[in-house]
Amino acid sequence: MASIAPAAVDTLDVAGLPTFGFSIRSLMWWATAGLMLIEGTAFAIAVAIYFYLRDINASWPLNAPPPDWRWGTLNTLVLTLSMIPNQFAKRAAQRQDRRAARLWLVVCLAFAVAFIAVRAFEFATLNVMWYANAYGSIVWFVLGLHTTHLITDAIETAILAALLYLGPFEGKRFVDVSENALYWYFVVLSWLPIYAVIYIAPRLQP
């Protein structure tokens, strides 16, 4: 009896396909989007607490003048300008230009360090301590929450820059740079409503 030959199995050579992708093709993009959603919710809850406390008190702010405009406004300008090198870093990563990506990461890091330095002056000119009353506690909490996000992203930017300069280097680092830029946009844009809460809301009559 003649034996039956096994059916041929079609194979597909995927060796030439890229090992990473950008935007929605990347798991890192989805992870970053989820993180921004969670942290954005935390910011929204903090702001809601601020306005709840403002609503239940007859006067606001409580036994304190509003914060000084200067440093918060300067930081808003610094953050807004930081989006320019951030976008250049993102574009360089997407075209897989290692040299340009690491250069713009260093510029982004310089902006982040400048912002953190000015943030120290912001805390010093809030005109209220965190333990003074409910107003002081929520203002320090909201500003501290944003500062935490800023510091963590600055650390990540420094690490990515070091990897692009010193290695070890893999192509997927370009994805990390691109998503780091996306998260920086979140840090910048989340600051704008927080700025309004800290610096404008206390000057408005309840």
Protein backbone atom coordinates (compact mmCIF):
# COMPACT_ATOMS: atom_id res chain seq x y z
CA MET A 1 0.00 0.00 0.00
CA ALA A 2 1.42 3.34 -1.04
CA SER A 3 2.10 5.83 1.73
CA ILE A 4 0.53 9.26 1.63
CA ALA A 5 3.00 12.12 1.69
CA PRO A 6 2.32 14.77 4.37
CA ALA A 7 0.83 18.00 3.13
CA ALA A 8 3.28 20.81 2.58
CA VAL A 9 3.26 23.47 5.28
CA ASP A 10 3.39 27.06 4.11
CA THR A 11 5.91 29.19 6.01
CA LEU A 12 6.35 32.92 6.17
CA ASP A 13 9.75 34.48 6.71
CA VAL A 14 9.31 37.43 9.10
CA ALA A 15 12.99 37.97 9.76
CA GLY A 16 12.95 41.21 7.82
CA LEU A 17 10.07 42.79 9.72
CA PRO A 18 10.81 45.52 12.26
CA THR A 19 11.02 44.47 15.89
CA PHE A 20 9.32 47.61 17.18
CA GLY A 21 6.73 50.18 16.12
CA PHE A 22 5.51 53.62 17.07
CA SER A 23 2.20 55.07 18.20
CA ILE A 24 -0.70 52.62 18.53
CA ARG A 25 1.46 49.80 17.11
CA SER A 26 3.54 49.89 20.28
CA LEU A 27 2.61 48.32 23.60
CA MET A 28 4.57 51.13 25.23
CA TRP A 29 2.17 53.66 23.69
CA TRP A 30 -0.82 51.89 25.22
CA ALA A 31 0.96 51.63 28.58
CA THR A 32 1.76 55.35 28.50
CA ALA A 33 -1.82 56.21 27.53
CA GLY A 34 -3.13 54.11 30.43
CA LEU A 35 -0.71 55.77 32.84
CA MET A 36 -1.79 59.23 31.69
CA LEU A 37 -5.44 58.26 32.16
CA ILE A 38 -4.81 57.09 35.72
CA GLU A 39 -2.69 60.09 36.66
CA GLY A 40 -5.06 62.49 34.94
CA THR A 41 -7.84 61.07 37.11
CA ALA A 42 -5.70 61.68 40.19
CA PHE A 43 -5.22 65.32 39.17
CA ALA A 44 -8.96 65.70 38.57
CA ILE A 45 -9.75 64.30 42.03
CA ALA A 46 -7.24 66.67 43.66
CA VAL A 47 -8.77 69.66 41.85
CA ALA A 48 -12.26 68.53 42.85
CA ILE A 49 -11.13 68.40 46.50
CA TYR A 50 -9.75 71.94 46.16
CA PHE A 51 -13.08 73.32 44.95
CA TYR A 52 -15.01 71.30 47.54
CA LEU A 53 -12.95 72.91 50.30
CA ARG A 54 -13.35 76.30 48.66
CA ASP A 55 -17.12 75.83 48.52
CA ILE A 56 -17.59 74.89 52.19
CA ASN A 57 -15.53 77.79 53.56
CA ALA A 58 -16.92 81.30 53.85
CA SER A 59 -13.63 82.90 52.81
CA TRP A 60 -10.90 81.62 50.49
CA PRO A 61 -7.97 81.35 50.80
CA LEU A 62 -8.01 80.72 54.53
CA ASN A 63 -6.01 83.29 56.50
CA ALA A 64 -3.44 83.71 53.73
CA PRO A 65 -2.88 85.92 50.70
CA PRO A 66 -2.93 84.29 47.25
CA PRO A 67 0.36 82.85 45.98
CA ASP A 68 2.86 85.12 44.27
CA TRP A 69 2.31 85.20 40.49
CA ARG A 70 5.93 85.46 39.40
CA TRP A 71 7.40 82.00 39.75
CA GLY A 72 4.34 80.06 38.66
CA THR A 73 4.00 82.23 35.57
CA LEU A 74 7.71 81.85 34.78
CA ASN A 75 7.39 78.09 35.10
CA THR A 76 4.39 78.10 32.77
CA LEU A 77 6.54 79.86 30.19
CA VAL A 78 9.41 77.39 30.70
CA LEU A 79 7.08 74.41 30.31
CA THR A 80 5.44 75.84 27.22
CA LEU A 81 8.81 76.42 25.55
CA SER A 82 9.94 72.92 26.51
CA MET A 83 7.43 71.46 24.07
CA ILE A 84 9.63 72.64 21.17
CA PRO A 85 12.71 70.47 21.90
CA ASN A 86 10.36 67.74 23.09
CA GLN A 87 8.74 67.61 19.66
CA PHE A 88 12.16 67.61 17.97
CA ALA A 89 13.19 64.65 20.15
CA LYS A 90 10.01 62.79 19.25
CA ARG A 91 10.49 63.37 15.52
CA ALA A 92 14.14 62.33 15.68
CA ALA A 93 13.16 59.10 17.43
CA GLN A 94 10.49 58.32 14.86
CA ARG A 95 12.95 58.69 12.00
CA GLN A 96 15.45 56.65 14.08
CA ASP A 97 18.08 59.37 14.20
CA ARG A 98 20.07 58.47 17.30
CA ARG A 99 22.35 61.49 17.18
CA ALA A 100 19.54 64.04 16.98
CA ALA A 101 17.36 62.19 19.51
CA ARG A 102 20.02 62.20 22.20
CA LEU A 103 20.86 65.86 21.55
CA TRP A 104 17.24 66.97 21.95
CA LEU A 105 16.82 64.76 25.01
CA VAL A 106 19.63 66.68 26.69
CA VAL A 107 17.90 69.96 25.81
CA CYS A 108 14.63 68.60 27.22
CA LEU A 109 16.45 67.59 30.39
CA ALA A 110 17.86 71.12 30.74
CA PHE A 111 14.33 72.52 30.55
CA ALA A 112 13.15 70.02 33.17
CA VAL A 113 15.98 70.93 35.55
CA ALA A 114 15.21 74.64 35.07
CA PHE A 115 11.56 74.00 35.85
CA ILE A 116 12.39 72.05 39.01
CA ALA A 117 14.67 74.88 40.18
CA VAL A 118 11.94 77.47 39.67
CA ARG A 119 9.43 75.16 41.35
CA ALA A 120 11.44 75.48 44.56
CA PHE A 121 10.74 79.24 44.48
CA GLU A 122 7.07 78.48 43.86
CA PHE A 123 6.80 76.48 47.05
CA ALA A 124 8.54 79.29 48.93
CA THR A 125 6.04 81.91 47.71
CA LEU A 126 2.75 80.08 48.23
CA ASN A 127 2.29 82.32 51.30
CA VAL A 128 0.96 79.40 53.35
CA MET A 129 2.46 76.25 54.86
CA TRP A 130 1.02 72.83 54.21
CA TYR A 131 0.10 72.35 57.87
CA ALA A 132 -1.54 75.76 58.38
CA ASN A 133 -5.08 74.86 57.30
CA ALA A 134 -7.10 73.02 54.67
CA TYR A 135 -6.19 75.61 52.02
CA GLY A 136 -2.48 75.19 52.64
CA SER A 137 -2.75 71.40 52.62
CA ILE A 138 -4.57 71.13 49.30
CA VAL A 139 -2.40 73.73 47.55
CA TRP A 140 0.79 72.00 48.62
CA PHE A 141 -0.68 68.62 47.70
CA VAL A 142 -1.70 69.67 44.19
CA LEU A 143 1.63 71.39 43.52
CA GLY A 144 3.55 68.48 45.04
CA LEU A 145 1.62 65.96 42.94
CA HIS A 146 2.59 67.72 39.73
CA THR A 147 6.19 68.11 40.93
CA THR A 148 6.41 64.37 41.52
CA HIS A 149 5.40 63.69 37.92
CA LEU A 150 7.91 66.25 36.70
CA ILE A 151 10.80 64.77 38.68
CA THR A 152 10.06 61.19 37.60
CA ASP A 153 9.93 62.20 33.95
CA ALA A 154 13.16 64.19 34.30
CA ILE A 155 14.85 61.07 35.71
CA GLU A 156 13.52 58.96 32.86
CA THR A 157 14.74 61.53 30.33
CA ALA A 158 18.21 61.49 31.89
CA ILE A 159 18.33 57.69 31.76
CA LEU A 160 17.23 57.61 28.12
CA ALA A 161 19.81 60.22 27.17
CA ALA A 162 22.53 58.18 28.90
CA LEU A 163 21.46 55.04 27.06
CA LEU A 164 21.52 56.82 23.72
CA TYR A 165 24.99 58.21 24.44
CA LEU A 166 26.62 55.33 26.30
CA GLY A 167 24.51 52.27 25.61
CA PRO A 168 23.55 49.54 25.70
CA PHE A 169 21.53 50.62 22.68
CA GLU A 170 18.66 48.84 20.95
CA GLY A 171 16.27 50.07 18.29
CA LYS A 172 13.38 49.95 20.72
CA ARG A 173 14.99 52.84 22.60
CA PHE A 174 13.58 55.07 19.88
CA VAL A 175 10.12 53.99 20.98
CA ASP A 176 11.02 54.84 24.57
CA VAL A 177 12.10 58.34 23.49
CA SER A 178 8.91 58.84 21.51
CA GLU A 179 6.66 57.77 24.39
CA ASN A 180 8.70 59.79 26.88
CA ALA A 181 7.93 62.82 24.70
CA LEU A 182 4.24 61.92 24.74
CA TYR A 183 4.28 61.74 28.54
CA TRP A 184 6.05 65.11 28.73
CA TYR A 185 3.15 66.64 26.80
CA PHE A 186 0.89 65.27 29.53
CA VAL A 187 3.06 66.89 32.22
CA VAL A 188 2.93 70.23 30.40
CA LEU A 189 -0.78 70.23 29.57
CA SER A 190 -1.81 69.02 33.03
CA TRP A 191 0.02 72.01 34.51
CA LEU A 192 -2.19 74.57 32.78
CA PRO A 193 -5.41 73.82 34.75
CA ILE A 194 -3.34 73.35 37.92
CA TYR A 195 -1.84 76.80 37.39
CA ALA A 196 -5.35 78.22 37.11
CA VAL A 197 -6.41 76.46 40.32
CA ILE A 198 -3.41 77.61 42.36
CA TYR A 199 -2.93 81.14 41.04
CA ILE A 200 -6.27 82.31 39.62
CA ALA A 201 -8.93 80.58 41.72
CA PRO A 202 -7.81 82.18 45.04
CA ARG A 203 -8.23 85.59 43.45
CA LEU A 204 -11.81 84.96 42.37
CA GLN A 205 -14.69 85.68 44.71
CA PRO A 206 -16.50 82.48 45.80
